[in-house]
Structure formats: structure tokens, C-alpha cells
Amino acid sequence: VVNGVNNGESDTLAVQKMRQTQQSNVKYITSFLSFSWGLIADCDLESECLRILGTLRSDIWAVYRGVLFPRRYRARFSYLPPRVNNGDEVCEQDSSFDMPKFVEEVPEGWVSVEDDFTVFWACQTSHASYNMFNCPMSKMNDGLFHILVVRASCPRWRLILMLLQLESGNHIHCKGLEVISCRAYRLEPLSYNSYNDIDGELVEDGVIQAHMMPRGAQFFAGKVD
């Protein structure tokens, strides 16, 4: 990092600007990694009691919460799809839309889904940790969220296969996993049995709404030979 600063080597990173509402209060949060709700958030936050076990704690809790004692997480999920140009998704530096207020319905052009979910994981980077290649298609500054969704109708054995392949990134090809790319999203929990987990940290319950800020942060790093 020091060499990167000295040599003036830098790059940019898209960050997520989030609005959260709880009762009448609105809170703004900036995130650079991911937002999770459902199984992934439960594994991250509830397994704190097993922190002494290191990274193994998440694996143990995934079996406990995902297989032995699963939950169904009901929510309404709305998102704004990417613009498409000649068949390719285009979104960099795209600020040609206004985010709706929480009291408003999502505008025309958004897609809404209400269902029981197991996994809801909005990713901005390819890795959630050094050993978790959760979003292989994500680029540092693509201006898109890549949201991993698993519905509660997915059999437990398929869920196990996905979790076992998180390290390699091959879970992306598993049947039952949906990857939704979008410019903005809103998550309205309808069952309050999980947590809002932003970049690995617990925040208050409530509706989450987010859009991407391409090149919202700059960082320095050394060259990779």
C-alpha cells in the first residue's frame, strides 16, 4: 500500500448509498462490500457466539440455521434493471434516474417480487472475505448490484451444494440460485426474523433502499506482477 501511494497508483471503487427507514426516521449509510438479509446475515451475526472457532463459525451456523433449523424470510423486493445497449448491460456513471421516497411506490420500470426467501445478498465486490468468492461477475466499478437470491422453495440439499461451493464461486451455476443485476433496489421485510447486515455490521431493522455511486471512492494499491 505504501508503494502504491508513493508511486501514485490508484483505482476507483463503486460504493453503495443506502437509505434506511425505521418508523419515521431515515438514516443514510455508505457501503462498499455487501448487504445481506436472511440466512447469510444470520450466519454472520448470530455466529458471534462461536468467534473463538474463527472462520469455522460461519460453516457451523450455516448447517444449524440453513439445514437443521431453517427459517422462511418473507419480503417484498423491488429493483431497477440495468439499461441494455445492443444486448449488453450498461450502467457505469448512470445517474439518469431518481430514487423514490419511502412513502412512494416504486416507479415504472422497476420490478417487484414478493415471496419467501432463504438468501438475499446484494453484492458489490467479488469477495465477501478472503475465502468467499461469492460474486464472480462483480467488477470493482461496474456500477451494478449483483443480488444473489434463493427462495424458500429451494430444497435444503441444493442449498447445501451452494454453500459448499462459495469458496470456488461455482455456486453461481447451482439450480435454485438467482442472480439479479440492477442499478438500485428496495427491500421491505415482511417477517422480522432476520437482520440488516451491512458490510458485516448490524444496523437497525426496517426497509432498505439503495443505489450505486460509480467511482464513489478512490484507493491506492501496489502493482500485481
C-alpha atoms as a PDB file:
ATOM      1  CA  VAL A   1       0.000   0.000   0.000  1.00  0.00           C
ATOM      2  CA  VAL A   2       2.848   2.386   0.857  1.00  0.00           C
ATOM      3  CA  ASN A   3       4.480   1.706  -2.517  1.00  0.00           C
ATOM      4  CA  GLY A   4       1.157   2.299  -4.215  1.00  0.00           C
ATOM      5  CA  VAL A   5       0.804   5.688  -2.555  1.00  0.00           C
ATOM      6  CA  ASN A   6       4.399   6.640  -3.354  1.00  0.00           C
ATOM      7  CA  ASN A   7       4.037   5.620  -6.997  1.00  0.00           C
ATOM      8  CA  GLY A   8       0.677   7.316  -7.358  1.00  0.00           C
ATOM      9  CA  GLU A   9      -1.056   4.085  -8.354  1.00  0.00           C
ATOM     10  CA  SER A  10      -4.770   4.275  -7.690  1.00  0.00           C
ATOM     11  CA  ASP A  11      -8.118   2.985  -8.830  1.00  0.00           C
ATOM     12  CA  THR A  12     -11.758   3.691  -8.107  1.00  0.00           C
ATOM     13  CA  LEU A  13     -14.453   1.662  -6.414  1.00  0.00           C
ATOM     14  CA  ALA A  14     -18.211   1.928  -6.722  1.00  0.00           C
ATOM     15  CA  VAL A  15     -19.907   2.377  -3.363  1.00  0.00           C
ATOM     16  CA  GLN A  16     -23.478   1.867  -2.272  1.00  0.00           C
ATOM     17  CA  LYS A  17     -25.523   4.734  -0.874  1.00  0.00           C
ATOM     18  CA  MET A  18     -28.291   3.355   1.274  1.00  0.00           C
ATOM     19  CA  ARG A  19     -31.335   4.824   2.943  1.00  0.00           C
ATOM     20  CA  GLN A  20     -32.904   3.038   5.843  1.00  0.00           C
ATOM     21  CA  THR A  21     -36.200   3.794   7.499  1.00  0.00           C
ATOM     22  CA  GLN A  22     -37.391   2.785  10.931  1.00  0.00           C
ATOM     23  CA  GLN A  23     -40.737   4.264  11.911  1.00  0.00           C
ATOM     24  CA  SER A  24     -40.412   7.963  10.966  1.00  0.00           C
ATOM     25  CA  ASN A  25     -36.615   8.155  10.933  1.00  0.00           C
ATOM     26  CA  VAL A  26     -34.479   7.992   7.792  1.00  0.00           C
ATOM     27  CA  LYS A  27     -30.792   7.128   8.020  1.00  0.00           C
ATOM     28  CA  TYR A  28     -28.151   7.313   5.293  1.00  0.00           C
ATOM     29  CA  ILE A  29     -25.367   4.740   5.102  1.00  0.00           C
ATOM     30  CA  THR A  30     -22.447   4.291   2.706  1.00  0.00           C
ATOM     31  CA  SER A  31     -21.335   0.736   1.997  1.00  0.00           C
ATOM     32  CA  PHE A  32     -18.606  -0.742  -0.194  1.00  0.00           C
ATOM     33  CA  LEU A  33     -18.920  -4.510   0.297  1.00  0.00           C
ATOM     34  CA  SER A  34     -22.411  -6.025   0.538  1.00  0.00           C
ATOM     35  CA  PHE A  35     -25.802  -6.031   2.201  1.00  0.00           C
ATOM     36  CA  SER A  36     -27.383  -9.266   3.400  1.00  0.00           C
ATOM     37  CA  TRP A  37     -30.692 -10.270   4.943  1.00  0.00           C
ATOM     38  CA  GLY A  38     -31.852 -13.781   5.688  1.00  0.00           C
ATOM     39  CA  LEU A  39     -29.567 -16.788   6.024  1.00  0.00           C
ATOM     40  CA  ILE A  40     -26.283 -15.012   5.213  1.00  0.00           C
ATOM     41  CA  ALA A  41     -26.964 -12.257   7.748  1.00  0.00           C
ATOM     42  CA  ASP A  42     -27.966 -14.812  10.371  1.00  0.00           C
ATOM     43  CA  CYS A  43     -24.768 -16.800   9.835  1.00  0.00           C
ATOM     44  CA  ASP A  44     -22.644 -13.666  10.045  1.00  0.00           C
ATOM     45  CA  LEU A  45     -24.225 -12.114  13.133  1.00  0.00           C
ATOM     46  CA  GLU A  46     -25.671 -14.988  15.171  1.00  0.00           C
ATOM     47  CA  SER A  47     -22.427 -16.978  14.986  1.00  0.00           C
ATOM     48  CA  GLU A  48     -20.591 -14.331  17.027  1.00  0.00           C
ATOM     49  CA  CYS A  49     -21.018 -16.669  19.999  1.00  0.00           C
ATOM     50  CA  LEU A  50     -18.622 -19.062  18.211  1.00  0.00           C
ATOM     51  CA  ARG A  51     -15.999 -16.440  17.295  1.00  0.00           C
ATOM     52  CA  ILE A  52     -13.323 -18.458  19.095  1.00  0.00           C
ATOM     53  CA  LEU A  53     -13.601 -21.013  16.261  1.00  0.00           C
ATOM     54  CA  GLY A  54     -12.541 -18.484  13.610  1.00  0.00           C
ATOM     55  CA  THR A  55     -13.988 -18.815  10.112  1.00  0.00           C
ATOM     56  CA  LEU A  56     -15.390 -22.231  11.001  1.00  0.00           C
ATOM     57  CA  ARG A  57     -18.134 -20.487  12.977  1.00  0.00           C
ATOM     58  CA  SER A  58     -19.957 -19.452   9.795  1.00  0.00           C
ATOM     59  CA  ASP A  59     -19.894 -23.005   8.435  1.00  0.00           C
ATOM     60  CA  ILE A  60     -21.330 -24.406  11.655  1.00  0.00           C
ATOM     61  CA  TRP A  61     -24.071 -21.794  11.763  1.00  0.00           C
ATOM     62  CA  ALA A  62     -24.938 -22.366   8.110  1.00  0.00           C
ATOM     63  CA  VAL A  63     -25.692 -26.007   8.934  1.00  0.00           C
ATOM     64  CA  TYR A  64     -27.609 -25.031  12.077  1.00  0.00           C
ATOM     65  CA  ARG A  65     -29.692 -22.231  10.571  1.00  0.00           C
ATOM     66  CA  GLY A  66     -29.840 -23.319   6.942  1.00  0.00           C
ATOM     67  CA  VAL A  67     -30.378 -27.062   7.319  1.00  0.00           C
ATOM     68  CA  LEU A  68     -31.334 -28.141  10.842  1.00  0.00           C
ATOM     69  CA  PHE A  69     -33.481 -25.200  11.912  1.00  0.00           C
ATOM     70  CA  PRO A  70     -34.255 -23.209   8.755  1.00  0.00           C
ATOM     71  CA  ARG A  71     -36.285 -20.018   8.661  1.00  0.00           C
ATOM     72  CA  ARG A  72     -38.507 -18.563   5.972  1.00  0.00           C
ATOM     73  CA  TYR A  73     -37.921 -14.875   5.367  1.00  0.00           C
ATOM     74  CA  ARG A  74     -40.810 -13.039   3.734  1.00  0.00           C
ATOM     75  CA  ALA A  75     -40.097  -9.787   1.917  1.00  0.00           C
ATOM     76  CA  ARG A  76     -41.044  -7.547  -0.961  1.00  0.00           C
ATOM     77  CA  PHE A  77     -38.025  -6.973  -3.209  1.00  0.00           C
ATOM     78  CA  SER A  78     -38.050  -4.271  -5.898  1.00  0.00           C
ATOM     79  CA  TYR A  79     -35.235  -3.402  -8.275  1.00  0.00           C
ATOM     80  CA  LEU A  80     -34.331  -1.234 -11.257  1.00  0.00           C
ATOM     81  CA  PRO A  81     -32.810  -3.360 -14.051  1.00  0.00           C
ATOM     82  CA  PRO A  82     -29.706  -2.154 -15.930  1.00  0.00           C
ATOM     83  CA  ARG A  83     -30.008  -0.285 -19.191  1.00  0.00           C
ATOM     84  CA  VAL A  84     -29.323  -2.534 -22.160  1.00  0.00           C
ATOM     85  CA  ASN A  85     -27.388  -1.449 -25.252  1.00  0.00           C
ATOM     86  CA  ASN A  86     -27.012  -3.949 -28.105  1.00  0.00           C
ATOM     87  CA  GLY A  87     -27.639  -6.803 -25.715  1.00  0.00           C
ATOM     88  CA  ASP A  88     -25.053  -5.672 -23.161  1.00  0.00           C
ATOM     89  CA  GLU A  89     -25.807  -4.284 -19.709  1.00  0.00           C
ATOM     90  CA  VAL A  90     -24.646  -0.671 -19.445  1.00  0.00           C
ATOM     91  CA  CYS A  91     -24.569   1.182 -16.167  1.00  0.00           C
ATOM     92  CA  GLU A  92     -21.276   2.983 -15.485  1.00  0.00           C
ATOM     93  CA  GLN A  93     -21.781   6.578 -14.367  1.00  0.00           C
ATOM     94  CA  ASP A  94     -25.532   6.128 -14.868  1.00  0.00           C
ATOM     95  CA  SER A  95     -27.390   8.685 -12.783  1.00  0.00           C
ATOM     96  CA  SER A  96     -30.320   9.132 -15.133  1.00  0.00           C
ATOM     97  CA  PHE A  97     -32.957   8.144 -12.588  1.00  0.00           C
ATOM     98  CA  ASP A  98     -34.392   9.440  -9.336  1.00  0.00           C
ATOM     99  CA  MET A  99     -34.785   7.244  -6.292  1.00  0.00           C
ATOM    100  CA  PRO A 100     -38.352   7.090  -4.951  1.00  0.00           C
ATOM    101  CA  LYS A 101     -39.171   8.242  -1.450  1.00  0.00           C
ATOM    102  CA  PHE A 102     -40.044   5.571   1.079  1.00  0.00           C
ATOM    103  CA  VAL A 103     -43.658   6.688   1.150  1.00  0.00           C
ATOM    104  CA  GLU A 104     -43.918   6.292  -2.623  1.00  0.00           C
ATOM    105  CA  GLU A 105     -44.469   3.198  -4.713  1.00  0.00           C
ATOM    106  CA  VAL A 106     -41.524   2.248  -6.892  1.00  0.00           C
ATOM    107  CA  PRO A 107     -41.720   3.971 -10.307  1.00  0.00           C
ATOM    108  CA  GLU A 108     -42.471   2.490 -13.696  1.00  0.00           C
ATOM    109  CA  GLY A 109     -39.564   0.422 -14.954  1.00  0.00           C
ATOM    110  CA  TRP A 110     -38.891  -1.221 -11.589  1.00  0.00           C
ATOM    111  CA  VAL A 111     -39.632  -4.904 -10.986  1.00  0.00           C
ATOM    112  CA  SER A 112     -41.229  -6.070  -7.725  1.00  0.00           C
ATOM    113  CA  VAL A 113     -41.323  -9.569  -6.244  1.00  0.00           C
ATOM    114  CA  GLU A 114     -42.975 -10.682  -3.001  1.00  0.00           C
ATOM    115  CA  ASP A 115     -42.035 -14.144  -1.776  1.00  0.00           C
ATOM    116  CA  ASP A 116     -40.494 -16.260   0.987  1.00  0.00           C
ATOM    117  CA  PHE A 117     -36.712 -16.177   0.675  1.00  0.00           C
ATOM    118  CA  THR A 118     -33.770 -18.004   2.203  1.00  0.00           C
ATOM    119  CA  VAL A 119     -30.931 -15.843   0.879  1.00  0.00           C
ATOM    120  CA  PHE A 120     -30.878 -12.174  -0.065  1.00  0.00           C
ATOM    121  CA  TRP A 121     -27.333 -10.931  -0.677  1.00  0.00           C
ATOM    122  CA  ALA A 122     -26.678  -7.671  -2.545  1.00  0.00           C
ATOM    123  CA  CYS A 123     -23.025  -7.776  -3.640  1.00  0.00           C
ATOM    124  CA  GLN A 124     -20.748  -5.014  -4.898  1.00  0.00           C
ATOM    125  CA  THR A 125     -17.420  -6.856  -4.907  1.00  0.00           C
ATOM    126  CA  SER A 126     -16.376 -10.337  -5.961  1.00  0.00           C
ATOM    127  CA  HIS A 127     -15.257 -11.487  -2.489  1.00  0.00           C
ATOM    128  CA  ALA A 128     -17.012 -11.073   0.850  1.00  0.00           C
ATOM    129  CA  SER A 129     -13.875 -12.394   2.548  1.00  0.00           C
ATOM    130  CA  TYR A 130     -10.568 -13.951   1.540  1.00  0.00           C
ATOM    131  CA  ASN A 131     -12.145 -17.414   1.258  1.00  0.00           C
ATOM    132  CA  MET A 132     -15.572 -16.486  -0.113  1.00  0.00           C
ATOM    133  CA  PHE A 133     -15.843 -15.932  -3.878  1.00  0.00           C
ATOM    134  CA  ASN A 134     -19.498 -15.057  -3.589  1.00  0.00           C
ATOM    135  CA  CYS A 135     -19.937 -12.886  -6.695  1.00  0.00           C
ATOM    136  CA  PRO A 136     -17.573 -13.806  -9.565  1.00  0.00           C
ATOM    137  CA  MET A 137     -19.305 -11.491 -12.058  1.00  0.00           C
ATOM    138  CA  SER A 138     -18.838  -8.358  -9.945  1.00  0.00           C
ATOM    139  CA  LYS A 139     -16.281  -5.777 -11.083  1.00  0.00           C
ATOM    140  CA  MET A 140     -14.707  -3.049  -8.976  1.00  0.00           C
ATOM    141  CA  ASN A 141     -16.538  -0.237 -10.718  1.00  0.00           C
ATOM    142  CA  ASP A 142     -19.291  -1.731 -12.857  1.00  0.00           C
ATOM    143  CA  GLY A 143     -21.958   0.438 -11.224  1.00  0.00           C
ATOM    144  CA  LEU A 144     -24.235  -2.553 -10.608  1.00  0.00           C
ATOM    145  CA  PHE A 145     -25.539  -4.560  -7.710  1.00  0.00           C
ATOM    146  CA  HIS A 146     -25.470  -8.300  -8.249  1.00  0.00           C
ATOM    147  CA  ILE A 147     -28.079  -9.696  -5.893  1.00  0.00           C
ATOM    148  CA  LEU A 148     -27.978 -13.380  -5.010  1.00  0.00           C
ATOM    149  CA  VAL A 149     -31.441 -14.707  -4.236  1.00  0.00           C
ATOM    150  CA  VAL A 150     -32.506 -18.148  -3.054  1.00  0.00           C
ATOM    151  CA  ARG A 151     -36.221 -18.670  -2.480  1.00  0.00           C
ATOM    152  CA  ALA A 152     -37.576 -20.727   0.397  1.00  0.00           C
ATOM    153  CA  SER A 153     -38.897 -23.295  -2.098  1.00  0.00           C
ATOM    154  CA  CYS A 154     -35.302 -24.377  -2.824  1.00  0.00           C
ATOM    155  CA  PRO A 155     -34.626 -27.861  -1.350  1.00  0.00           C
ATOM    156  CA  ARG A 156     -32.163 -27.998   1.517  1.00  0.00           C
ATOM    157  CA  TRP A 157     -29.801 -30.321  -0.353  1.00  0.00           C
ATOM    158  CA  ARG A 158     -29.477 -27.747  -3.151  1.00  0.00           C
ATOM    159  CA  LEU A 159     -28.774 -25.051  -0.563  1.00  0.00           C
ATOM    160  CA  ILE A 160     -26.018 -27.208   0.935  1.00  0.00           C
ATOM    161  CA  LEU A 161     -24.428 -27.606  -2.503  1.00  0.00           C
ATOM    162  CA  MET A 162     -24.430 -23.828  -2.968  1.00  0.00           C
ATOM    163  CA  LEU A 163     -22.836 -23.171   0.407  1.00  0.00           C
ATOM    164  CA  LEU A 164     -20.141 -25.792  -0.199  1.00  0.00           C
ATOM    165  CA  GLN A 165     -19.132 -24.051  -3.435  1.00  0.00           C
ATOM    166  CA  LEU A 166     -18.979 -20.472  -2.138  1.00  0.00           C
ATOM    167  CA  GLU A 167     -15.195 -20.606  -1.877  1.00  0.00           C
ATOM    168  CA  SER A 168     -14.717 -21.515  -5.555  1.00  0.00           C
ATOM    169  CA  GLY A 169     -17.525 -19.368  -6.968  1.00  0.00           C
ATOM    170  CA  ASN A 170     -19.187 -22.377  -8.598  1.00  0.00           C
ATOM    171  CA  HIS A 171     -22.359 -21.849  -6.560  1.00  0.00           C
ATOM    172  CA  ILE A 172     -23.341 -19.368  -9.280  1.00  0.00           C
ATOM    173  CA  HIS A 173     -24.152 -22.314 -11.542  1.00  0.00           C
ATOM    174  CA  CYS A 174     -26.331 -24.121  -8.994  1.00  0.00           C
ATOM    175  CA  LYS A 175     -30.001 -24.574  -9.751  1.00  0.00           C
ATOM    176  CA  GLY A 176     -32.141 -22.581  -7.339  1.00  0.00           C
ATOM    177  CA  LEU A 177     -29.818 -19.567  -7.151  1.00  0.00           C
ATOM    178  CA  GLU A 178     -30.945 -16.430  -8.963  1.00  0.00           C
ATOM    179  CA  VAL A 179     -28.525 -13.609  -9.765  1.00  0.00           C
ATOM    180  CA  ILE A 180     -30.276 -10.300 -10.353  1.00  0.00           C
ATOM    181  CA  SER A 181     -28.194  -7.383 -11.633  1.00  0.00           C
ATOM    182  CA  CYS A 182     -29.653  -3.940 -11.012  1.00  0.00           C
ATOM    183  CA  ARG A 183     -28.931  -0.237 -10.624  1.00  0.00           C
ATOM    184  CA  ALA A 184     -30.975   0.223  -7.463  1.00  0.00           C
ATOM    185  CA  TYR A 185     -33.136  -1.835  -5.137  1.00  0.00           C
ATOM    186  CA  ARG A 186     -35.554  -1.700  -2.230  1.00  0.00           C
ATOM    187  CA  LEU A 187     -36.046  -4.471   0.326  1.00  0.00           C
ATOM    188  CA  GLU A 188     -39.146  -4.390   2.515  1.00  0.00           C
ATOM    189  CA  PRO A 189     -39.015  -7.151   5.149  1.00  0.00           C
ATOM    190  CA  LEU A 190     -42.465  -8.574   5.861  1.00  0.00           C
ATOM    191  CA  SER A 191     -41.267 -11.022   8.514  1.00  0.00           C
ATOM    192  CA  TYR A 192     -38.978  -9.648  11.185  1.00  0.00           C
ATOM    193  CA  ASN A 193     -36.921 -12.741  11.903  1.00  0.00           C
ATOM    194  CA  SER A 194     -33.558 -11.696  10.440  1.00  0.00           C
ATOM    195  CA  TYR A 195     -31.129  -8.782  10.481  1.00  0.00           C
ATOM    196  CA  ASN A 196     -29.980  -5.958   8.254  1.00  0.00           C
ATOM    197  CA  ASP A 197     -26.286  -6.723   7.809  1.00  0.00           C
ATOM    198  CA  ILE A 198     -24.228  -4.070   6.023  1.00  0.00           C
ATOM    199  CA  ASP A 199     -20.535  -4.802   5.407  1.00  0.00           C
ATOM    200  CA  GLY A 200     -20.634  -7.318   8.243  1.00  0.00           C
ATOM    201  CA  GLU A 201     -22.169  -4.914  10.748  1.00  0.00           C
ATOM    202  CA  LEU A 202     -25.633  -4.974  12.298  1.00  0.00           C
ATOM    203  CA  VAL A 203     -27.867  -1.982  11.626  1.00  0.00           C
ATOM    204  CA  GLU A 204     -31.455  -1.285  12.663  1.00  0.00           C
ATOM    205  CA  ASP A 205     -34.380  -3.252  11.272  1.00  0.00           C
ATOM    206  CA  GLY A 206     -36.518  -1.673   8.604  1.00  0.00           C
ATOM    207  CA  VAL A 207     -36.851  -1.006   4.901  1.00  0.00           C
ATOM    208  CA  ILE A 208     -33.595  -0.668   2.956  1.00  0.00           C
ATOM    209  CA  GLN A 209     -33.278   1.252  -0.299  1.00  0.00           C
ATOM    210  CA  ALA A 210     -30.003   1.669  -2.161  1.00  0.00           C
ATOM    211  CA  HIS A 211     -28.430   2.907  -5.364  1.00  0.00           C
ATOM    212  CA  MET A 212     -24.892   2.754  -6.671  1.00  0.00           C
ATOM    213  CA  MET A 213     -22.423   5.612  -6.827  1.00  0.00           C
ATOM    214  CA  PRO A 214     -19.893   4.616  -9.521  1.00  0.00           C
ATOM    215  CA  ARG A 215     -16.346   5.720  -8.701  1.00  0.00           C
ATOM    216  CA  GLY A 216     -17.574   6.853  -5.312  1.00  0.00           C
ATOM    217  CA  ALA A 217     -14.265   6.020  -3.591  1.00  0.00           C
ATOM    218  CA  GLN A 218     -10.610   6.033  -4.555  1.00  0.00           C
ATOM    219  CA  PHE A 219      -7.994   3.678  -3.175  1.00  0.00           C
ATOM    220  CA  PHE A 220      -4.251   3.142  -3.538  1.00  0.00           C
ATOM    221  CA  ALA A 221      -2.540  -0.217  -4.081  1.00  0.00           C
ATOM    222  CA  GLY A 222       0.712  -1.696  -5.335  1.00  0.00           C
ATOM    223  CA  LYS A 223       1.098  -3.396  -8.682  1.00  0.00           C
ATOM    224  CA  VAL A 224       0.419  -7.118  -9.089  1.00  0.00           C
ATOM    225  CA  ASP A 225       3.087  -8.786 -11.221  1.00  0.00           C
END
